[in-house]
Amino acid sequence: MPKTTLEALDELLRGAERDVGDPNTIYKLRSARQLVEVLKQRQGDREDAIEDAIEDEEILDDLRDLGYVQ
């Protein structure tokens, strides 16, 4: 079960990729999945930067509760 919206999107694209037979459509779905991976990396980088910049654990906990960082 996906933990994030991006993981859910990747799972849906993977399922669609398995269900289609058209090579052009498969190419487009794979390209979309690669873009999702880029977004996952950027999200992880952003979360790391936030955690490095904020030393107050209470603020970090609040950001986690709100879904801004994991």
PDB file of N, CA and C in Angstrom:
ATOM      1  N   MET A   1       0.844  -1.179   0.000  1.00  0.00           N
ATOM      2  CA  MET A   1       0.000   0.000   0.000  1.00  0.00           C
ATOM      3  C   MET A   1       0.891   1.245   0.000  1.00  0.00           C
ATOM      4  N   PRO A   2       0.627   2.186  -0.902  1.00  0.00           N
ATOM      5  CA  PRO A   2       1.469   3.378  -0.997  1.00  0.00           C
ATOM      6  C   PRO A   2       1.340   4.262   0.242  1.00  0.00           C
ATOM      7  N   LYS A   3       2.467   4.904   0.599  1.00  0.00           N
ATOM      8  CA  LYS A   3       2.474   5.788   1.755  1.00  0.00           C
ATOM      9  C   LYS A   3       2.224   7.232   1.370  1.00  0.00           C
ATOM     10  N   THR A   4       2.570   7.607   0.152  1.00  0.00           N
ATOM     11  CA  THR A   4       2.431   8.997  -0.274  1.00  0.00           C
ATOM     12  C   THR A   4       1.627   9.073  -1.569  1.00  0.00           C
ATOM     13  N   THR A   5       1.225  10.285  -1.893  1.00  0.00           N
ATOM     14  CA  THR A   5       0.496  10.512  -3.140  1.00  0.00           C
ATOM     15  C   THR A   5       1.352  10.134  -4.344  1.00  0.00           C
ATOM     16  N   LEU A   6       2.640  10.474  -4.286  1.00  0.00           N
ATOM     17  CA  LEU A   6       3.527  10.136  -5.404  1.00  0.00           C
ATOM     18  C   LEU A   6       3.687   8.629  -5.551  1.00  0.00           C
ATOM     19  N   GLU A   7       3.748   7.914  -4.442  1.00  0.00           N
ATOM     20  CA  GLU A   7       3.835   6.451  -4.524  1.00  0.00           C
ATOM     21  C   GLU A   7       2.545   5.868  -5.090  1.00  0.00           C
ATOM     22  N   ALA A   8       1.405   6.441  -4.715  1.00  0.00           N
ATOM     23  CA  ALA A   8       0.125   5.979  -5.259  1.00  0.00           C
ATOM     24  C   ALA A   8       0.061   6.226  -6.762  1.00  0.00           C
ATOM     25  N   LEU A   9       0.527   7.393  -7.187  1.00  0.00           N
ATOM     26  CA  LEU A   9       0.555   7.716  -8.615  1.00  0.00           C
ATOM     27  C   LEU A   9       1.448   6.748  -9.378  1.00  0.00           C
ATOM     28  N   ASP A  10       2.621   6.458  -8.826  1.00  0.00           N
ATOM     29  CA  ASP A  10       3.538   5.522  -9.475  1.00  0.00           C
ATOM     30  C   ASP A  10       2.911   4.133  -9.577  1.00  0.00           C
ATOM     31  N   GLU A  11       2.219   3.720  -8.529  1.00  0.00           N
ATOM     32  CA  GLU A  11       1.564   2.405  -8.544  1.00  0.00           C
ATOM     33  C   GLU A  11       0.475   2.347  -9.615  1.00  0.00           C
ATOM     34  N   LEU A  12      -0.299   3.408  -9.748  1.00  0.00           N
ATOM     35  CA  LEU A  12      -1.341   3.452 -10.778  1.00  0.00           C
ATOM     36  C   LEU A  12      -0.742   3.419 -12.180  1.00  0.00           C
ATOM     37  N   LEU A  13       0.322   4.181 -12.380  1.00  0.00           N
ATOM     38  CA  LEU A  13       0.987   4.181 -13.690  1.00  0.00           C
ATOM     39  C   LEU A  13       1.577   2.813 -14.007  1.00  0.00           C
ATOM     40  N   ARG A  14       2.162   2.156 -13.006  1.00  0.00           N
ATOM     41  CA  ARG A  14       2.739   0.823 -13.206  1.00  0.00           C
ATOM     42  C   ARG A  14       1.643  -0.159 -13.616  1.00  0.00           C
ATOM     43  N   GLY A  15       0.489  -0.079 -12.959  1.00  0.00           N
ATOM     44  CA  GLY A  15      -0.626  -0.952 -13.303  1.00  0.00           C
ATOM     45  C   GLY A  15      -1.136  -0.701 -14.709  1.00  0.00           C
ATOM     46  N   ALA A  16      -1.230   0.558 -15.089  1.00  0.00           N
ATOM     47  CA  ALA A  16      -1.675   0.895 -16.442  1.00  0.00           C
ATOM     48  C   ALA A  16      -0.672   0.405 -17.474  1.00  0.00           C
ATOM     49  N   GLU A  17       0.614   0.517 -17.135  1.00  0.00           N
ATOM     50  CA  GLU A  17       1.669   0.058 -18.051  1.00  0.00           C
ATOM     51  C   GLU A  17       1.541  -1.443 -18.326  1.00  0.00           C
ATOM     52  N   ARG A  18       1.186  -2.197 -17.304  1.00  0.00           N
ATOM     53  CA  ARG A  18       1.023  -3.651 -17.473  1.00  0.00           C
ATOM     54  C   ARG A  18      -0.214  -3.985 -18.303  1.00  0.00           C
ATOM     55  N   ASP A  19      -1.222  -3.103 -18.250  1.00  0.00           N
ATOM     56  CA  ASP A  19      -2.501  -3.394 -18.893  1.00  0.00           C
ATOM     57  C   ASP A  19      -2.560  -3.027 -20.374  1.00  0.00           C
ATOM     58  N   VAL A  20      -1.622  -2.222 -20.845  1.00  0.00           N
ATOM     59  CA  VAL A  20      -1.697  -1.784 -22.245  1.00  0.00           C
ATOM     60  C   VAL A  20      -0.719  -2.573 -23.107  1.00  0.00           C
ATOM     61  N   GLY A  21      -1.015  -2.633 -24.382  1.00  0.00           N
ATOM     62  CA  GLY A  21      -0.149  -3.357 -25.300  1.00  0.00           C
ATOM     63  C   GLY A  21       0.533  -2.465 -26.324  1.00  0.00           C
ATOM     64  N   ASP A  22       0.078  -1.228 -26.418  1.00  0.00           N
ATOM     65  CA  ASP A  22       0.617  -0.302 -27.409  1.00  0.00           C
ATOM     66  C   ASP A  22       1.984   0.218 -26.959  1.00  0.00           C
ATOM     67  N   PRO A  23       3.038  -0.025 -27.740  1.00  0.00           N
ATOM     68  CA  PRO A  23       4.387   0.405 -27.348  1.00  0.00           C
ATOM     69  C   PRO A  23       4.504   1.914 -27.104  1.00  0.00           C
ATOM     70  N   ASN A  24       3.785   2.712 -27.882  1.00  0.00           N
ATOM     71  CA  ASN A  24       3.838   4.162 -27.706  1.00  0.00           C
ATOM     72  C   ASN A  24       3.238   4.568 -26.356  1.00  0.00           C
ATOM     73  N   THR A  25       2.143   3.937 -25.985  1.00  0.00           N
ATOM     74  CA  THR A  25       1.512   4.226 -24.701  1.00  0.00           C
ATOM     75  C   THR A  25       2.395   3.754 -23.552  1.00  0.00           C
ATOM     76  N   ILE A  26       3.013   2.601 -23.698  1.00  0.00           N
ATOM     77  CA  ILE A  26       3.932   2.096 -22.671  1.00  0.00           C
ATOM     78  C   ILE A  26       5.088   3.075 -22.488  1.00  0.00           C
ATOM     79  N   TYR A  27       5.615   3.601 -23.578  1.00  0.00           N
ATOM     80  CA  TYR A  27       6.705   4.584 -23.511  1.00  0.00           C
ATOM     81  C   TYR A  27       6.263   5.821 -22.722  1.00  0.00           C
ATOM     82  N   LYS A  28       5.066   6.308 -23.006  1.00  0.00           N
ATOM     83  CA  LYS A  28       4.561   7.494 -22.315  1.00  0.00           C
ATOM     84  C   LYS A  28       4.360   7.219 -20.824  1.00  0.00           C
ATOM     85  N   LEU A  29       3.857   6.038 -20.495  1.00  0.00           N
ATOM     86  CA  LEU A  29       3.659   5.688 -19.089  1.00  0.00           C
ATOM     87  C   LEU A  29       4.994   5.564 -18.359  1.00  0.00           C
ATOM     88  N   ARG A  30       5.972   4.972 -19.008  1.00  0.00           N
ATOM     89  CA  ARG A  30       7.306   4.866 -18.391  1.00  0.00           C
ATOM     90  C   ARG A  30       7.918   6.246 -18.191  1.00  0.00           C
ATOM     91  N   SER A  31       7.722   7.122 -19.160  1.00  0.00           N
ATOM     92  CA  SER A  31       8.226   8.492 -19.030  1.00  0.00           C
ATOM     93  C   SER A  31       7.554   9.202 -17.856  1.00  0.00           C
ATOM     94  N   ALA A  32       6.266   8.997 -17.705  1.00  0.00           N
ATOM     95  CA  ALA A  32       5.542   9.597 -16.583  1.00  0.00           C
ATOM     96  C   ALA A  32       6.059   9.052 -15.256  1.00  0.00           C
ATOM     97  N   ARG A  33       6.348   7.757 -15.207  1.00  0.00           N
ATOM     98  CA  ARG A  33       6.887   7.164 -13.974  1.00  0.00           C
ATOM     99  C   ARG A  33       8.265   7.730 -13.654  1.00  0.00           C
ATOM    100  N   GLN A  34       9.065   8.012 -14.677  1.00  0.00           N
ATOM    101  CA  GLN A  34      10.375   8.626 -14.436  1.00  0.00           C
ATOM    102  C   GLN A  34      10.213  10.028 -13.853  1.00  0.00           C
ATOM    103  N   LEU A  35       9.227  10.765 -14.327  1.00  0.00           N
ATOM    104  CA  LEU A  35       8.967  12.091 -13.774  1.00  0.00           C
ATOM    105  C   LEU A  35       8.502  12.002 -12.323  1.00  0.00           C
ATOM    106  N   VAL A  36       7.727  10.980 -12.004  1.00  0.00           N
ATOM    107  CA  VAL A  36       7.308  10.769 -10.615  1.00  0.00           C
ATOM    108  C   VAL A  36       8.532  10.520  -9.737  1.00  0.00           C
ATOM    109  N   GLU A  37       9.497   9.768 -10.240  1.00  0.00           N
ATOM    110  CA  GLU A  37      10.728   9.513  -9.475  1.00  0.00           C
ATOM    111  C   GLU A  37      11.498  10.807  -9.225  1.00  0.00           C
ATOM    112  N   VAL A  38      11.520  11.690 -10.220  1.00  0.00           N
ATOM    113  CA  VAL A  38      12.176  12.991 -10.041  1.00  0.00           C
ATOM    114  C   VAL A  38      11.476  13.772  -8.929  1.00  0.00           C
ATOM    115  N   LEU A  39      10.156  13.764  -8.940  1.00  0.00           N
ATOM    116  CA  LEU A  39       9.406  14.467  -7.904  1.00  0.00           C
ATOM    117  C   LEU A  39       9.648  13.864  -6.527  1.00  0.00           C
ATOM    118  N   LYS A  40       9.736  12.542  -6.448  1.00  0.00           N
ATOM    119  CA  LYS A  40      10.037  11.893  -5.162  1.00  0.00           C
ATOM    120  C   LYS A  40      11.393  12.348  -4.637  1.00  0.00           C
ATOM    121  N   GLN A  41      12.382  12.413  -5.518  1.00  0.00           N
ATOM    122  CA  GLN A  41      13.722  12.835  -5.114  1.00  0.00           C
ATOM    123  C   GLN A  41      13.710  14.280  -4.632  1.00  0.00           C
ATOM    124  N   ARG A  42      13.026  15.137  -5.373  1.00  0.00           N
ATOM    125  CA  ARG A  42      12.947  16.547  -4.974  1.00  0.00           C
ATOM    126  C   ARG A  42      12.235  16.700  -3.637  1.00  0.00           C
ATOM    127  N   GLN A  43      11.180  15.917  -3.432  1.00  0.00           N
ATOM    128  CA  GLN A  43      10.458  15.969  -2.164  1.00  0.00           C
ATOM    129  C   GLN A  43      11.373  15.526  -1.024  1.00  0.00           C
ATOM    130  N   GLY A  44      12.125  14.467  -1.241  1.00  0.00           N
ATOM    131  CA  GLY A  44      13.061  13.995  -0.223  1.00  0.00           C
ATOM    132  C   GLY A  44      14.133  15.023   0.077  1.00  0.00           C
ATOM    133  N   ASP A  45      14.654  15.671  -0.956  1.00  0.00           N
ATOM    134  CA  ASP A  45      15.659  16.717  -0.767  1.00  0.00           C
ATOM    135  C   ASP A  45      15.086  17.885   0.027  1.00  0.00           C
ATOM    136  N   ARG A  46      13.844  18.262  -0.298  1.00  0.00           N
ATOM    137  CA  ARG A  46      13.197  19.363   0.417  1.00  0.00           C
ATOM    138  C   ARG A  46      12.999  19.012   1.888  1.00  0.00           C
ATOM    139  N   GLU A  47      12.553  17.786   2.158  1.00  0.00           N
ATOM    140  CA  GLU A  47      12.354  17.354   3.539  1.00  0.00           C
ATOM    141  C   GLU A  47      13.668  17.350   4.309  1.00  0.00           C
ATOM    142  N   ASP A  48      14.733  16.890   3.666  1.00  0.00           N
ATOM    143  CA  ASP A  48      16.050  16.897   4.319  1.00  0.00           C
ATOM    144  C   ASP A  48      16.486  18.319   4.646  1.00  0.00           C
ATOM    145  N   ALA A  49      16.275  19.237   3.717  1.00  0.00           N
ATOM    146  CA  ALA A  49      16.662  20.630   3.936  1.00  0.00           C
ATOM    147  C   ALA A  49      15.863  21.249   5.082  1.00  0.00           C
ATOM    148  N   ILE A  50      14.584  20.942   5.144  1.00  0.00           N
ATOM    149  CA  ILE A  50      13.749  21.458   6.231  1.00  0.00           C
ATOM    150  C   ILE A  50      14.238  20.918   7.567  1.00  0.00           C
ATOM    151  N   GLU A  51      14.499  19.618   7.620  1.00  0.00           N
ATOM    152  CA  GLU A  51      14.950  19.016   8.872  1.00  0.00           C
ATOM    153  C   GLU A  51      16.318  19.548   9.292  1.00  0.00           C
ATOM    154  N   ASP A  52      17.184  19.852   8.327  1.00  0.00           N
ATOM    155  CA  ASP A  52      18.498  20.420   8.644  1.00  0.00           C
ATOM    156  C   ASP A  52      18.383  21.866   9.129  1.00  0.00           C
ATOM    157  N   ALA A  53      17.425  22.608   8.581  1.00  0.00           N
ATOM    158  CA  ALA A  53      17.294  24.028   8.898  1.00  0.00           C
ATOM    159  C   ALA A  53      16.558  24.277  10.213  1.00  0.00           C
ATOM    160  N   ILE A  54      15.683  23.368  10.590  1.00  0.00           N
ATOM    161  CA  ILE A  54      14.864  23.571  11.787  1.00  0.00           C
ATOM    162  C   ILE A  54      15.371  22.659  12.894  1.00  0.00           C
ATOM    163  N   GLU A  55      15.812  23.280  13.974  1.00  0.00           N
ATOM    164  CA  GLU A  55      16.360  22.511  15.087  1.00  0.00           C
ATOM    165  C   GLU A  55      15.315  22.197  16.151  1.00  0.00           C
ATOM    166  N   ASP A  56      14.206  22.911  16.146  1.00  0.00           N
ATOM    167  CA  ASP A  56      13.167  22.730  17.156  1.00  0.00           C
ATOM    168  C   ASP A  56      12.329  21.489  16.818  1.00  0.00           C
ATOM    169  N   GLU A  57      12.435  20.463  17.650  1.00  0.00           N
ATOM    170  CA  GLU A  57      11.720  19.202  17.399  1.00  0.00           C
ATOM    171  C   GLU A  57      10.209  19.384  17.420  1.00  0.00           C
ATOM    172  N   GLU A  58       9.721  20.300  18.223  1.00  0.00           N
ATOM    173  CA  GLU A  58       8.276  20.532  18.292  1.00  0.00           C
ATOM    174  C   GLU A  58       7.752  21.067  16.956  1.00  0.00           C
ATOM    175  N   ILE A  59       8.497  21.978  16.363  1.00  0.00           N
ATOM    176  CA  ILE A  59       8.101  22.506  15.049  1.00  0.00           C
ATOM    177  C   ILE A  59       8.168  21.402  13.999  1.00  0.00           C
ATOM    178  N   LEU A  60       9.222  20.588  14.041  1.00  0.00           N
ATOM    179  CA  LEU A  60       9.329  19.469  13.093  1.00  0.00           C
ATOM    180  C   LEU A  60       8.170  18.495  13.268  1.00  0.00           C
ATOM    181  N   ASP A  61       7.791  18.210  14.516  1.00  0.00           N
ATOM    182  CA  ASP A  61       6.654  17.320  14.765  1.00  0.00           C
ATOM    183  C   ASP A  61       5.369  17.907  14.193  1.00  0.00           C
ATOM    184  N   ASP A  62       5.192  19.225  14.365  1.00  0.00           N
ATOM    185  CA  ASP A  62       4.006  19.883  13.799  1.00  0.00           C
ATOM    186  C   ASP A  62       4.000  19.776  12.273  1.00  0.00           C
ATOM    187  N   LEU A  63       5.162  19.980  11.646  1.00  0.00           N
ATOM    188  CA  LEU A  63       5.254  19.856  10.189  1.00  0.00           C
ATOM    189  C   LEU A  63       4.969  18.425   9.735  1.00  0.00           C
ATOM    190  N   ARG A  64       5.421  17.451  10.509  1.00  0.00           N
ATOM    191  CA  ARG A  64       5.121  16.046  10.179  1.00  0.00           C
ATOM    192  C   ARG A  64       3.624  15.776  10.297  1.00  0.00           C
ATOM    193  N   ASP A  65       3.018  16.282  11.378  1.00  0.00           N
ATOM    194  CA  ASP A  65       1.577  16.086  11.573  1.00  0.00           C
ATOM    195  C   ASP A  65       0.764  16.696  10.432  1.00  0.00           C
ATOM    196  N   LEU A  66       1.251  17.812   9.901  1.00  0.00           N
ATOM    197  CA  LEU A  66       0.557  18.479   8.798  1.00  0.00           C
ATOM    198  C   LEU A  66       0.877  17.866   7.437  1.00  0.00           C
ATOM    199  N   GLY A  67       1.842  16.946   7.405  1.00  0.00           N
ATOM    200  CA  GLY A  67       2.178  16.266   6.159  1.00  0.00           C
ATOM    201  C   GLY A  67       3.218  16.963   5.306  1.00  0.00           C
ATOM    202  N   TYR A  68       3.876  17.987   5.851  1.00  0.00           N
ATOM    203  CA  TYR A  68       4.896  18.697   5.077  1.00  0.00           C
ATOM    204  C   TYR A  68       6.211  17.930   5.014  1.00  0.00           C
ATOM    205  N   VAL A  69       6.520  17.180   6.048  1.00  0.00           N
ATOM    206  CA  VAL A  69       7.708  16.320   6.055  1.00  0.00           C
ATOM    207  C   VAL A  69       7.300  14.963   6.597  1.00  0.00           C
ATOM    208  N   GLN A  70       8.106  13.959   6.269  1.00  0.00           N
ATOM    209  CA  GLN A  70       7.779  12.597   6.713  1.00  0.00           C
ATOM    210  C   GLN A  70       8.645  12.183   7.860  1.00  0.00           C
TER     211      GLN A  70
END
